[in-house]
Protein backbone atom coordinates (compact mmCIF):
# COMPACT_ATOMS: atom_id res chain seq x y z
CA MET A 1 35.85 -1.87 1.77
CA ALA A 2 37.65 -1.07 -1.48
CA VAL A 3 36.07 -1.34 -4.91
CA GLN A 4 37.71 -2.44 -8.15
CA ARG A 5 38.60 0.67 -10.12
CA GLY A 6 39.31 0.76 -13.82
CA GLY A 7 37.54 -2.51 -14.49
CA GLU A 8 34.60 -3.29 -16.78
CA ARG A 9 32.06 -3.21 -13.93
CA ALA A 10 30.94 0.26 -12.85
CA ILE A 11 31.77 1.19 -9.28
CA TRP A 12 28.15 1.91 -8.37
CA ARG A 13 27.20 -1.57 -9.59
CA GLN A 14 29.88 -3.10 -7.35
CA ILE A 15 28.52 -1.17 -4.35
CA ALA A 16 24.94 -2.20 -5.15
CA ALA A 17 25.98 -5.86 -5.46
CA THR A 18 27.87 -5.75 -2.15
CA LEU A 19 24.92 -4.23 -0.30
CA ALA A 20 22.50 -6.65 -1.98
CA ASN A 21 24.58 -9.60 -0.77
CA GLU A 22 24.59 -8.19 2.76
CA ILE A 23 20.82 -7.76 2.67
CA ALA A 24 20.40 -11.36 1.45
CA ALA A 25 22.66 -12.60 4.25
CA LYS A 26 20.72 -10.42 6.73
CA THR A 27 23.90 -8.77 7.92
CA LEU A 28 22.38 -5.49 6.73
CA GLN A 29 18.91 -4.87 8.16
CA GLY A 30 16.65 -2.00 9.12
CA GLN A 31 17.91 1.46 8.21
CA LEU A 32 21.02 1.74 6.06
CA PRO A 33 23.86 4.08 7.04
CA VAL A 34 23.56 7.59 5.64
CA GLU A 35 25.06 8.36 2.24
CA ALA A 36 28.10 10.08 3.75
CA ALA A 37 28.93 6.99 5.82
CA LEU A 38 28.57 4.67 2.83
CA ALA A 39 30.68 7.00 0.70
CA SER A 40 33.39 6.85 3.33
CA ARG A 41 33.16 3.07 3.58
CA PHE A 42 33.60 2.54 -0.17
CA ALA A 43 35.90 5.55 -0.67
CA VAL A 44 33.65 7.10 -3.31
CA ASN A 45 31.57 10.25 -3.63
CA ARG A 46 27.96 10.49 -2.49
CA HIS A 47 26.63 10.62 -6.05
CA THR A 48 28.04 7.13 -6.69
CA VAL A 49 26.45 5.84 -3.49
CA ARG A 50 23.13 7.45 -4.40
CA ARG A 51 23.13 5.70 -7.77
CA ALA A 52 23.80 2.35 -6.08
CA LEU A 53 20.92 2.89 -3.65
CA GLN A 54 18.58 3.83 -6.49
CA ALA A 55 19.51 0.55 -8.21
CA LEU A 56 18.67 -1.38 -5.04
CA GLU A 57 15.36 0.45 -4.80
CA SER A 58 14.47 -0.47 -8.39
CA GLN A 59 15.12 -4.12 -7.45
CA GLY A 60 12.75 -3.84 -4.50
CA LEU A 61 15.52 -4.49 -1.96
CA VAL A 62 15.30 -1.13 -0.21
CA ARG A 63 12.91 1.77 0.03
CA ILE A 64 14.05 5.39 0.08
CA GLU A 65 11.86 7.61 2.27
CA GLN A 66 12.36 11.31 1.71
CA GLY A 67 13.53 13.02 4.88
CA ARG A 68 14.00 9.74 6.76
CA GLY A 69 16.60 7.68 4.95
CA THR A 70 16.95 4.31 3.21
CA PHE A 71 15.53 1.12 4.69
CA VAL A 72 15.84 -2.56 3.87
CA GLN A 73 12.51 -3.73 2.45
CA GLU A 74 10.82 -6.01 4.96
CA ASP A 75 9.30 -9.38 4.21
CA LEU A 76 6.06 -9.32 2.24
CA ILE A 77 2.84 -8.94 4.20
CA ALA A 78 0.34 -11.65 3.32
CA TYR A 79 -3.16 -10.46 2.39
CA ARG A 80 -5.62 -13.34 2.30
CA MET A 81 -8.60 -12.33 0.15
CA GLY A 82 -11.54 -14.49 1.12
CA ARG A 83 -15.26 -13.90 1.19
CA ARG A 84 -15.18 -12.37 4.66
CA GLU A 85 -11.46 -11.75 5.18
CA ARG A 86 -10.22 -8.20 4.71
CA PHE A 87 -6.80 -6.64 4.98
CA SER A 88 -7.30 -5.95 8.69
CA HIS A 89 -7.99 -9.65 9.33
CA SER A 90 -4.77 -10.66 7.60
CA LEU A 91 -2.79 -8.16 9.65
CA ALA A 92 -4.30 -9.42 12.90
CA SER A 93 -3.38 -13.02 12.04
CA GLN A 94 0.25 -11.88 11.54
CA ARG A 95 0.21 -9.88 14.78
CA LEU A 96 0.70 -6.62 12.93
CA GLN A 97 -0.86 -3.32 13.92
CA GLY A 98 -2.82 -1.67 11.14
CA SER A 99 -5.19 1.28 10.82
CA SER A 100 -6.89 3.44 8.21
CA GLU A 101 -6.35 7.20 8.31
CA VAL A 102 -8.95 9.44 6.67
CA VAL A 103 -7.23 12.10 4.56
CA GLY A 104 -10.25 13.42 2.63
CA HIS A 105 -13.94 12.95 1.92
CA SER A 106 -16.72 14.38 -0.24
CA GLU A 107 -20.32 13.73 -1.25
CA ILE A 108 -20.63 12.91 -4.95
CA SER A 109 -23.25 11.81 -7.45
CA ALA A 110 -22.90 8.32 -8.90
CA ASN A 111 -21.65 8.27 -12.48
CA ASP A 112 -22.52 5.45 -14.87
CA GLU A 113 -19.84 3.09 -13.51
CA LEU A 114 -20.58 3.68 -9.83
CA ALA A 115 -24.33 3.46 -10.44
CA ARG A 116 -23.79 0.07 -12.10
CA ILE A 117 -21.67 -1.19 -9.22
CA PHE A 118 -24.13 -0.08 -6.54
CA GLU A 119 -27.16 -1.02 -8.66
CA LEU A 120 -28.58 2.46 -8.15
CA PRO A 121 -29.85 5.17 -10.52
CA VAL A 122 -27.26 7.47 -12.04
CA GLY A 123 -26.91 10.56 -9.87
CA SER A 124 -27.62 8.75 -6.59
CA PRO A 125 -25.72 10.28 -3.64
CA LEU A 126 -22.51 8.54 -2.52
CA LEU A 127 -19.87 9.33 0.06
CA GLN A 128 -16.27 9.15 -1.18
CA ILE A 129 -13.62 8.64 1.50
CA ASP A 130 -9.87 8.85 0.83
CA LEU A 131 -7.72 6.80 3.19
CA LEU A 132 -4.19 5.71 3.89
CA ASP A 133 -3.81 2.11 5.07
CA LYS A 134 -0.95 2.01 7.56
CA VAL A 135 0.91 -0.97 8.98
CA GLU A 136 3.22 -0.26 11.90
CA GLN A 137 2.95 3.45 10.91
CA GLN A 138 4.15 2.76 7.34
CA VAL A 139 1.76 3.59 4.49
CA LEU A 140 1.21 0.44 2.41
CA GLY A 141 -2.09 1.31 0.74
CA VAL A 142 -3.69 4.41 -0.76
CA CYS A 143 -7.45 3.88 -0.77
CA THR A 144 -10.62 5.37 -2.19
CA GLU A 145 -13.86 4.06 -0.68
CA TYR A 146 -17.42 4.68 -1.81
CA VAL A 147 -20.55 4.02 0.27
CA PRO A 148 -24.21 4.86 -0.47
CA LEU A 149 -26.09 7.72 1.16
CA PRO A 150 -28.16 8.19 3.22
CA ARG A 151 -27.79 4.62 4.46
CA CYS A 152 -24.10 5.03 5.38
CA ALA A 153 -24.29 8.63 6.58
CA GLY A 154 -22.58 7.81 9.88
CA VAL A 155 -19.73 5.77 8.42
CA LEU A 156 -17.27 8.66 8.18
CA ALA A 157 -17.45 9.57 11.87
CA ALA A 158 -17.26 5.90 12.89
CA LEU A 159 -14.29 5.33 10.60
CA GLN A 160 -12.42 8.32 11.99
CA GLU A 161 -13.03 7.00 15.50
CA THR A 162 -12.22 3.32 14.94
CA GLY A 163 -9.78 3.35 12.01
CA SER A 164 -11.59 0.31 10.60
CA MET A 165 -14.12 0.16 7.75
CA VAL A 166 -15.52 -3.10 9.10
CA ALA A 167 -16.16 -1.52 12.49
CA ALA A 168 -17.58 1.62 10.87
CA LEU A 169 -20.13 -0.33 8.82
CA THR A 170 -21.11 -2.33 11.89
CA ALA A 171 -21.53 0.92 13.84
CA VAL A 172 -24.21 2.13 11.39
CA GLY A 173 -26.10 -1.16 11.61
CA ILE A 174 -24.83 -2.95 8.50
CA GLU A 175 -24.25 -6.59 9.37
CA GLY A 176 -22.89 -9.61 7.52
CA VAL A 177 -20.70 -7.63 5.13
CA ASN A 178 -18.88 -9.93 2.70
CA ARG A 179 -16.84 -9.64 -0.48
CA ARG A 180 -18.87 -10.00 -3.66
CA GLN A 181 -15.89 -9.73 -6.00
CA SER A 182 -12.39 -8.32 -6.35
CA ARG A 183 -10.21 -7.49 -9.32
CA VAL A 184 -6.43 -7.14 -9.13
CA THR A 185 -4.24 -5.48 -11.75
CA ALA A 186 -0.72 -4.04 -11.83
CA ARG A 187 -0.56 -0.36 -12.72
CA MET A 188 1.92 2.47 -12.71
CA PRO A 189 1.12 4.87 -9.86
CA LYS A 190 0.29 8.53 -10.20
CA PRO A 191 3.00 10.78 -8.73
CA GLN A 192 0.94 11.59 -5.62
CA VAL A 193 0.28 7.90 -4.92
CA ALA A 194 3.96 7.04 -5.38
CA ALA A 195 4.88 9.80 -2.94
CA GLN A 196 2.34 8.60 -0.38
CA LEU A 197 3.72 5.06 -0.64
CA ALA A 198 7.31 6.38 -0.51
CA GLN A 199 8.19 4.44 -3.66
CA PRO A 200 9.56 5.44 -7.09
CA LYS A 201 7.08 6.39 -9.82
CA SER A 202 8.62 3.68 -12.01
CA GLN A 203 7.55 0.89 -9.62
CA PRO A 204 4.09 -0.64 -10.26
CA VAL A 205 1.43 -0.88 -7.58
CA LEU A 206 -1.16 -3.59 -7.01
CA TYR A 207 -4.48 -2.00 -7.95
CA VAL A 208 -7.19 -3.86 -6.02
CA GLU A 209 -10.89 -3.12 -6.65
CA SER A 210 -13.37 -4.78 -4.29
CA VAL A 211 -17.16 -4.79 -4.04
CA TYR A 212 -18.77 -5.65 -0.70
CA GLN A 213 -22.38 -6.51 0.03
CA ASP A 214 -24.51 -6.90 3.15
CA ALA A 215 -26.20 -10.09 4.34
CA ALA A 216 -29.12 -9.40 1.99
CA GLY A 217 -26.87 -9.07 -1.06
CA GLN A 218 -27.12 -5.28 -1.39
CA VAL A 219 -23.87 -3.52 -2.31
CA VAL A 220 -22.74 -1.30 0.57
CA GLU A 221 -19.11 -0.54 -0.32
CA TYR A 222 -16.84 -0.25 -3.33
CA GLY A 223 -13.16 0.25 -2.63
CA ILE A 224 -10.00 0.85 -4.64
CA THR A 225 -6.66 0.26 -2.92
CA ARG A 226 -3.27 0.90 -4.47
CA PHE A 227 -0.86 -1.33 -2.57
CA ALA A 228 2.92 -0.99 -2.62
CA GLY A 229 3.76 -3.82 -5.02
CA ASN A 230 6.94 -4.85 -3.22
CA ALA A 231 5.31 -5.09 0.21
CA ILE A 232 2.12 -7.12 -0.26
CA GLU A 233 1.51 -10.74 -1.23
CA LEU A 234 -2.07 -11.48 -2.26
CA THR A 235 -3.58 -14.90 -1.65
CA ILE A 236 -7.04 -15.55 -3.11
CA THR A 237 -8.89 -18.38 -1.37
CA PRO A 238 -12.17 -19.94 -2.53
CA ASP A 239 -14.93 -20.26 0.07
C-alpha cells in the first residue's frame, strides 16, 4: 500500500492511521507483522514504521513487548470491585485463566502507615509479598501484599502452591475475608513496573490500594496493585 509523499501529513502518521483503521475494523488482530514486513508493505524504512507503532502504542491500540513483537491491545478486562469480589472472581466470571506469581518476599517491621492500616503497634512484624498478576500468561498487575505475622506465617507457602491469595488465606484458617475499603488513583509507573507490564513509562497505571478484613473485622491483608491502565476496566458496586 502506497503512502502520500510530499504532502502535509507525515508518512509515519499515515501508516499509523491506516493500521488504526484496520484495528478498528478488526481486519488486523493478534500479533502485527514484523517491522521489516510493514516497511516492505508501505515502501518505507523500518525507522518510519517504528515511529508509527510507537504512536499506536501511545494511543493504547497496541502493546510492544520487547523480544516478542507488537500486539493489538485486547478488549478491556472487567474487574468488579465488591465487598467479597476480588480480581480472581472477575476473571472466573469471564472464563479467563488468572494466577499470581510470587517474585519476592521479606519480613518487615510496620512503619507508621502500615501500623495504622493494620491497627497494630509500630514495629509489629509483617510479611511483604511481591507478585505478578497474570491473565492468560500476560502480566496485567504488579502487586505488593502485606499480611500480619505470626498469624499469616503460612500464607507464603500456600500462595506459591495455589497462586491465589484467597485460597492462601483460607489455607491458614482465615475465613470470611472481605474488602473493607479500596482507593484507586492514576499514577505514572516506575521504570521497573512499566517493564513488567510491557508498557511505555509514559502510560499511566491504575494504582489500586485495598484493605481486607476477616469475619471479625480484623485487618488481615493490605494490597497495592498497579494495573496496566489500558487493559483493565474497574466497576465499583455497592453491597
